[in-house]
């Protein structure tokens, strides 16, 4: 069973994404409501992938991603950014970070697992 960590400061986004991934794909979902909590949980739980919000207070998504890249325990975990910013300049900046993909809000709960699987090459 795949394990995915959702890091987002918005309760409703975490809940919808978690419900979607659990129901549609049967994945185990872990959640964190901040970058700091997400980094800690990623190191402890070692999920198969991380769905990371871009805009969060204290530590934003790109900063959280960079911190995880510095830790050997979390550096190899694929990260997909989740953002409402769809302008080309933002997309290029996010792509240049080295994340696995950039997904856009609002997302379709029925196809979220499929999008993640497609990007990461998961065939199960």
N, C-alpha and C. Protein backbone atom coordinates (compact mmCIF):
# COMPACT_ATOMS: atom_id res chain seq x y z
N UNK A 1 0.84 -1.19 0.00
CA UNK A 1 0.00 0.00 0.00
C UNK A 1 0.89 1.25 0.00
N UNK A 2 0.53 2.19 -0.85
CA UNK A 2 1.28 3.46 -0.92
C UNK A 2 0.96 4.31 0.30
N UNK A 3 1.98 5.06 0.73
CA UNK A 3 1.80 6.00 1.85
C UNK A 3 2.17 7.38 1.35
N UNK A 4 1.27 8.32 1.57
CA UNK A 4 1.52 9.68 1.09
C UNK A 4 1.31 10.66 2.23
N UNK A 5 2.17 11.66 2.29
CA UNK A 5 2.09 12.71 3.31
C UNK A 5 1.57 13.98 2.65
N UNK A 6 0.50 14.53 3.20
CA UNK A 6 -0.05 15.79 2.71
C UNK A 6 0.34 16.88 3.70
N UNK A 7 1.06 17.90 3.20
CA UNK A 7 1.45 19.03 4.04
C UNK A 7 0.73 20.26 3.52
N UNK A 8 -0.24 20.73 4.27
CA UNK A 8 -1.04 21.90 3.87
C UNK A 8 -1.60 22.55 5.12
N UNK A 9 -1.58 23.87 5.17
CA UNK A 9 -2.07 24.57 6.35
C UNK A 9 -3.59 24.68 6.37
N UNK A 10 -4.26 24.38 5.27
CA UNK A 10 -5.72 24.48 5.20
C UNK A 10 -6.35 23.13 5.52
N UNK A 11 -7.14 23.10 6.62
CA UNK A 11 -7.78 21.85 7.05
C UNK A 11 -8.61 21.22 5.95
N UNK A 12 -9.42 22.03 5.25
CA UNK A 12 -10.32 21.46 4.25
C UNK A 12 -9.57 20.84 3.08
N UNK A 13 -8.47 21.44 2.67
CA UNK A 13 -7.67 20.87 1.58
C UNK A 13 -7.08 19.53 2.02
N UNK A 14 -6.52 19.49 3.23
CA UNK A 14 -5.97 18.23 3.75
C UNK A 14 -7.04 17.15 3.80
N UNK A 15 -8.21 17.51 4.30
CA UNK A 15 -9.27 16.52 4.45
C UNK A 15 -9.78 16.00 3.11
N UNK A 16 -10.00 16.90 2.15
CA UNK A 16 -10.49 16.48 0.83
C UNK A 16 -9.44 15.61 0.13
N UNK A 17 -8.19 16.04 0.17
CA UNK A 17 -7.13 15.26 -0.49
C UNK A 17 -6.97 13.89 0.18
N UNK A 18 -6.97 13.87 1.51
CA UNK A 18 -6.81 12.61 2.24
C UNK A 18 -7.97 11.66 1.93
N UNK A 19 -9.18 12.15 2.00
CA UNK A 19 -10.35 11.33 1.71
C UNK A 19 -10.29 10.79 0.29
N UNK A 20 -9.91 11.65 -0.63
CA UNK A 20 -9.79 11.27 -2.04
C UNK A 20 -8.78 10.13 -2.21
N UNK A 21 -7.59 10.30 -1.67
CA UNK A 21 -6.52 9.31 -1.86
C UNK A 21 -6.82 8.00 -1.14
N UNK A 22 -7.47 8.08 0.03
CA UNK A 22 -7.84 6.87 0.76
C UNK A 22 -8.96 6.12 0.04
N UNK A 23 -9.96 6.86 -0.41
CA UNK A 23 -11.14 6.25 -1.02
C UNK A 23 -10.89 5.76 -2.44
N UNK A 24 -10.33 6.63 -3.26
CA UNK A 24 -10.13 6.30 -4.68
C UNK A 24 -8.98 5.33 -4.88
N UNK A 25 -7.86 5.54 -4.18
CA UNK A 25 -6.67 4.72 -4.43
C UNK A 25 -6.39 3.69 -3.34
N UNK A 26 -7.02 3.85 -2.17
CA UNK A 26 -6.75 2.93 -1.07
C UNK A 26 -5.40 3.15 -0.40
N UNK A 27 -4.87 4.36 -0.54
CA UNK A 27 -3.57 4.67 0.04
C UNK A 27 -3.70 5.03 1.51
N UNK A 28 -2.62 4.86 2.24
CA UNK A 28 -2.54 5.35 3.61
C UNK A 28 -2.10 6.81 3.53
N UNK A 29 -2.82 7.68 4.21
CA UNK A 29 -2.52 9.11 4.14
C UNK A 29 -2.12 9.64 5.50
N UNK A 30 -1.00 10.35 5.52
CA UNK A 30 -0.52 11.05 6.71
C UNK A 30 -0.70 12.53 6.43
N UNK A 31 -0.91 13.34 7.46
CA UNK A 31 -1.07 14.77 7.22
C UNK A 31 -0.24 15.59 8.20
N UNK A 32 0.09 16.79 7.75
CA UNK A 32 0.79 17.77 8.58
C UNK A 32 0.22 19.13 8.22
N UNK A 33 0.11 20.03 9.20
CA UNK A 33 -0.49 21.34 8.94
C UNK A 33 0.51 22.47 8.82
N UNK A 34 1.82 22.14 8.78
CA UNK A 34 2.85 23.17 8.61
C UNK A 34 4.10 22.52 8.01
N UNK A 35 4.96 23.37 7.47
CA UNK A 35 6.21 22.87 6.92
C UNK A 35 7.06 22.16 7.96
N UNK A 36 7.18 22.76 9.14
CA UNK A 36 7.99 22.18 10.21
C UNK A 36 7.45 20.81 10.63
N UNK A 37 6.13 20.74 10.81
CA UNK A 37 5.52 19.47 11.19
C UNK A 37 5.69 18.44 10.06
N UNK A 38 5.59 18.90 8.82
CA UNK A 38 5.75 18.02 7.67
C UNK A 38 7.14 17.44 7.58
N UNK A 39 8.15 18.26 7.81
CA UNK A 39 9.55 17.79 7.77
C UNK A 39 9.75 16.71 8.83
N UNK A 40 9.24 16.97 10.03
CA UNK A 40 9.38 16.02 11.13
C UNK A 40 8.68 14.70 10.80
N UNK A 41 7.44 14.81 10.29
CA UNK A 41 6.66 13.61 9.98
C UNK A 41 7.29 12.83 8.82
N UNK A 42 7.81 13.54 7.82
CA UNK A 42 8.45 12.87 6.68
C UNK A 42 9.66 12.06 7.15
N UNK A 43 10.45 12.62 8.06
CA UNK A 43 11.64 11.92 8.56
C UNK A 43 11.25 10.70 9.39
N UNK A 44 10.18 10.82 10.18
CA UNK A 44 9.73 9.72 11.03
C UNK A 44 9.06 8.61 10.23
N UNK A 45 8.17 8.99 9.31
CA UNK A 45 7.29 8.03 8.64
C UNK A 45 7.80 7.53 7.30
N UNK A 46 8.69 8.28 6.65
CA UNK A 46 9.25 7.94 5.34
C UNK A 46 8.15 7.55 4.33
N UNK A 47 7.26 8.48 3.99
CA UNK A 47 6.20 8.17 3.04
C UNK A 47 6.76 7.93 1.63
N UNK A 48 5.94 7.35 0.77
CA UNK A 48 6.34 7.10 -0.62
C UNK A 48 6.39 8.39 -1.43
N UNK A 49 5.58 9.38 -1.03
CA UNK A 49 5.56 10.67 -1.72
C UNK A 49 4.96 11.71 -0.79
N UNK A 50 5.19 12.98 -1.14
CA UNK A 50 4.68 14.10 -0.35
C UNK A 50 3.95 15.06 -1.27
N UNK A 51 2.74 15.43 -0.87
CA UNK A 51 1.95 16.45 -1.55
C UNK A 51 2.09 17.70 -0.69
N UNK A 52 2.74 18.73 -1.22
CA UNK A 52 3.16 19.89 -0.44
C UNK A 52 2.56 21.19 -0.95
N UNK A 53 1.84 21.88 -0.10
CA UNK A 53 1.25 23.19 -0.44
C UNK A 53 2.37 24.22 -0.60
N UNK A 54 2.21 25.12 -1.56
CA UNK A 54 3.20 26.17 -1.78
C UNK A 54 3.06 27.30 -0.77
N UNK A 55 1.85 27.81 -0.60
CA UNK A 55 1.62 28.98 0.25
C UNK A 55 1.21 28.56 1.66
N UNK A 56 2.14 28.68 2.60
CA UNK A 56 1.86 28.39 4.00
C UNK A 56 2.55 29.43 4.87
N UNK A 57 1.98 29.75 6.03
CA UNK A 57 2.65 30.71 6.93
C UNK A 57 3.91 30.09 7.53
N UNK A 58 4.74 30.92 8.11
CA UNK A 58 6.02 30.54 8.72
C UNK A 58 7.00 29.97 7.70
N UNK A 59 6.74 28.76 7.19
CA UNK A 59 7.65 28.14 6.24
C UNK A 59 6.84 27.71 5.01
N UNK A 60 7.10 28.35 3.87
CA UNK A 60 6.33 28.01 2.67
C UNK A 60 6.80 26.68 2.06
N UNK A 61 6.09 26.22 1.04
CA UNK A 61 6.40 24.95 0.42
C UNK A 61 7.82 24.85 -0.14
N UNK A 62 8.26 25.83 -0.95
CA UNK A 62 9.62 25.74 -1.47
C UNK A 62 10.70 25.67 -0.37
N UNK A 63 10.51 26.43 0.71
CA UNK A 63 11.47 26.39 1.82
C UNK A 63 11.43 25.02 2.50
N UNK A 64 10.22 24.50 2.70
CA UNK A 64 10.05 23.17 3.29
C UNK A 64 10.76 22.13 2.43
N UNK A 65 10.55 22.20 1.11
CA UNK A 65 11.18 21.26 0.18
C UNK A 65 12.71 21.33 0.29
N UNK A 66 13.25 22.55 0.29
CA UNK A 66 14.71 22.71 0.38
C UNK A 66 15.25 22.11 1.68
N UNK A 67 14.52 22.30 2.78
CA UNK A 67 14.95 21.73 4.07
C UNK A 67 14.96 20.21 4.00
N UNK A 68 13.94 19.62 3.36
CA UNK A 68 13.88 18.16 3.24
C UNK A 68 15.01 17.64 2.37
N UNK A 69 15.43 18.41 1.38
CA UNK A 69 16.53 17.99 0.50
C UNK A 69 17.86 17.95 1.24
N UNK A 70 17.98 18.70 2.33
CA UNK A 70 19.22 18.73 3.12
C UNK A 70 19.34 17.54 4.07
N UNK A 71 18.23 16.84 4.30
CA UNK A 71 18.21 15.71 5.23
C UNK A 71 18.27 14.41 4.43
N UNK A 72 19.31 13.59 4.64
CA UNK A 72 19.42 12.33 3.89
C UNK A 72 18.21 11.42 4.06
N UNK A 73 17.51 11.53 5.20
CA UNK A 73 16.34 10.67 5.44
C UNK A 73 15.15 11.05 4.57
N UNK A 74 15.08 12.31 4.15
CA UNK A 74 13.91 12.77 3.38
C UNK A 74 14.26 13.22 1.97
N UNK A 75 15.53 13.33 1.65
CA UNK A 75 15.94 13.87 0.35
C UNK A 75 15.45 13.05 -0.83
N UNK A 76 15.28 11.75 -0.65
CA UNK A 76 14.87 10.89 -1.76
C UNK A 76 13.37 10.74 -1.95
N UNK A 77 12.59 11.36 -1.09
CA UNK A 77 11.13 11.23 -1.18
C UNK A 77 10.62 12.18 -2.27
N UNK A 78 9.89 11.66 -3.27
CA UNK A 78 9.36 12.56 -4.31
C UNK A 78 8.35 13.54 -3.72
N UNK A 79 8.46 14.81 -4.14
CA UNK A 79 7.57 15.87 -3.66
C UNK A 79 6.81 16.46 -4.83
N UNK A 80 5.49 16.57 -4.65
CA UNK A 80 4.63 17.23 -5.64
C UNK A 80 4.09 18.48 -4.99
N UNK A 81 4.33 19.62 -5.61
CA UNK A 81 3.83 20.88 -5.07
C UNK A 81 2.37 21.04 -5.46
N UNK A 82 1.61 21.60 -4.56
CA UNK A 82 0.19 21.88 -4.78
C UNK A 82 0.02 23.39 -4.68
N UNK A 83 -0.44 24.02 -5.76
CA UNK A 83 -0.50 25.47 -5.77
C UNK A 83 -1.70 26.01 -6.53
N UNK A 84 -2.12 27.20 -6.13
CA UNK A 84 -3.15 27.92 -6.87
C UNK A 84 -2.51 28.88 -7.87
N UNK A 85 -1.18 29.03 -7.76
CA UNK A 85 -0.45 29.93 -8.67
C UNK A 85 -0.22 29.22 -10.00
N UNK A 86 -0.87 29.71 -11.03
CA UNK A 86 -0.78 29.01 -12.31
C UNK A 86 -0.06 29.83 -13.38
N UNK A 87 0.52 30.97 -13.01
CA UNK A 87 1.22 31.79 -13.98
C UNK A 87 2.53 31.12 -14.37
N UNK A 88 2.93 31.32 -15.61
CA UNK A 88 4.12 30.67 -16.16
C UNK A 88 5.37 30.89 -15.35
N UNK A 89 5.58 32.12 -14.88
CA UNK A 89 6.80 32.43 -14.12
C UNK A 89 6.84 31.62 -12.83
N UNK A 90 5.68 31.45 -12.17
CA UNK A 90 5.63 30.65 -10.95
C UNK A 90 5.90 29.18 -11.27
N UNK A 91 5.28 28.68 -12.35
CA UNK A 91 5.47 27.28 -12.72
C UNK A 91 6.94 26.98 -12.99
N UNK A 92 7.62 27.88 -13.70
CA UNK A 92 9.04 27.67 -14.00
C UNK A 92 9.88 27.69 -12.72
N UNK A 93 9.56 28.63 -11.82
CA UNK A 93 10.30 28.71 -10.56
C UNK A 93 10.14 27.42 -9.75
N UNK A 94 8.91 26.91 -9.71
CA UNK A 94 8.66 25.68 -8.96
C UNK A 94 9.35 24.49 -9.63
N UNK A 95 9.28 24.41 -10.95
CA UNK A 95 9.92 23.31 -11.68
C UNK A 95 11.43 23.31 -11.46
N UNK A 96 12.01 24.49 -11.36
CA UNK A 96 13.46 24.61 -11.17
C UNK A 96 13.92 24.17 -9.77
N UNK A 97 12.98 24.01 -8.86
CA UNK A 97 13.34 23.55 -7.51
C UNK A 97 13.79 22.10 -7.53
N UNK A 98 13.29 21.32 -8.49
CA UNK A 98 13.61 19.90 -8.54
C UNK A 98 12.51 19.02 -7.98
N UNK A 99 11.30 19.56 -7.86
CA UNK A 99 10.17 18.74 -7.39
C UNK A 99 9.73 17.79 -8.50
N UNK A 100 9.03 16.73 -8.13
CA UNK A 100 8.58 15.74 -9.10
C UNK A 100 7.53 16.31 -10.04
N UNK A 101 6.67 17.21 -9.52
CA UNK A 101 5.60 17.80 -10.34
C UNK A 101 4.97 18.96 -9.59
N UNK A 102 4.20 19.74 -10.34
CA UNK A 102 3.41 20.82 -9.77
C UNK A 102 1.95 20.53 -10.13
N UNK A 103 1.11 20.37 -9.12
CA UNK A 103 -0.32 20.15 -9.33
C UNK A 103 -1.06 21.41 -8.92
N UNK A 104 -2.22 21.62 -9.52
CA UNK A 104 -2.92 22.88 -9.31
C UNK A 104 -4.19 22.75 -8.50
N UNK A 105 -4.41 23.73 -7.64
CA UNK A 105 -5.67 23.89 -6.90
C UNK A 105 -6.59 24.75 -7.75
N UNK A 106 -7.86 24.52 -7.76
CA UNK A 106 -8.49 23.37 -7.11
C UNK A 106 -8.22 22.10 -7.92
N UNK A 107 -8.01 21.00 -7.22
CA UNK A 107 -7.78 19.72 -7.89
C UNK A 107 -9.07 18.92 -7.91
N UNK A 108 -9.13 17.96 -8.80
CA UNK A 108 -10.30 17.08 -8.89
C UNK A 108 -10.04 15.88 -7.98
N UNK A 109 -10.82 15.73 -6.89
CA UNK A 109 -10.58 14.63 -5.95
C UNK A 109 -10.66 13.26 -6.61
N UNK A 110 -11.43 13.14 -7.69
CA UNK A 110 -11.58 11.84 -8.34
C UNK A 110 -10.37 11.46 -9.18
N UNK A 111 -9.56 12.43 -9.58
CA UNK A 111 -8.40 12.12 -10.41
C UNK A 111 -7.06 12.42 -9.74
N UNK A 112 -7.09 12.89 -8.49
CA UNK A 112 -5.84 13.26 -7.81
C UNK A 112 -4.88 12.08 -7.71
N UNK A 113 -5.36 10.91 -7.28
CA UNK A 113 -4.50 9.74 -7.14
C UNK A 113 -3.91 9.34 -8.50
N UNK A 114 -4.73 9.43 -9.53
CA UNK A 114 -4.28 9.10 -10.89
C UNK A 114 -3.17 10.07 -11.34
N UNK A 115 -3.35 11.36 -11.05
CA UNK A 115 -2.32 12.36 -11.41
C UNK A 115 -1.01 12.04 -10.70
N UNK A 116 -1.08 11.76 -9.41
CA UNK A 116 0.12 11.47 -8.63
C UNK A 116 0.79 10.20 -9.16
N UNK A 117 0.01 9.15 -9.37
CA UNK A 117 0.55 7.88 -9.88
C UNK A 117 1.22 8.07 -11.23
N UNK A 118 0.58 8.85 -12.10
CA UNK A 118 1.11 9.08 -13.44
C UNK A 118 2.46 9.78 -13.39
N UNK A 119 2.54 10.84 -12.59
CA UNK A 119 3.77 11.61 -12.48
C UNK A 119 4.91 10.76 -11.91
N UNK A 120 4.58 9.92 -10.92
CA UNK A 120 5.62 9.14 -10.24
C UNK A 120 5.89 7.78 -10.88
N UNK A 121 5.11 7.46 -11.92
CA UNK A 121 5.30 6.18 -12.59
C UNK A 121 4.84 4.98 -11.78
N UNK A 122 3.86 5.21 -10.90
CA UNK A 122 3.29 4.11 -10.10
C UNK A 122 2.25 3.42 -10.96
N UNK A 123 2.35 2.13 -11.13
CA UNK A 123 1.40 1.43 -11.99
C UNK A 123 0.40 0.59 -11.22
N UNK A 124 0.52 0.55 -9.90
CA UNK A 124 -0.40 -0.32 -9.16
C UNK A 124 -1.74 0.30 -8.92
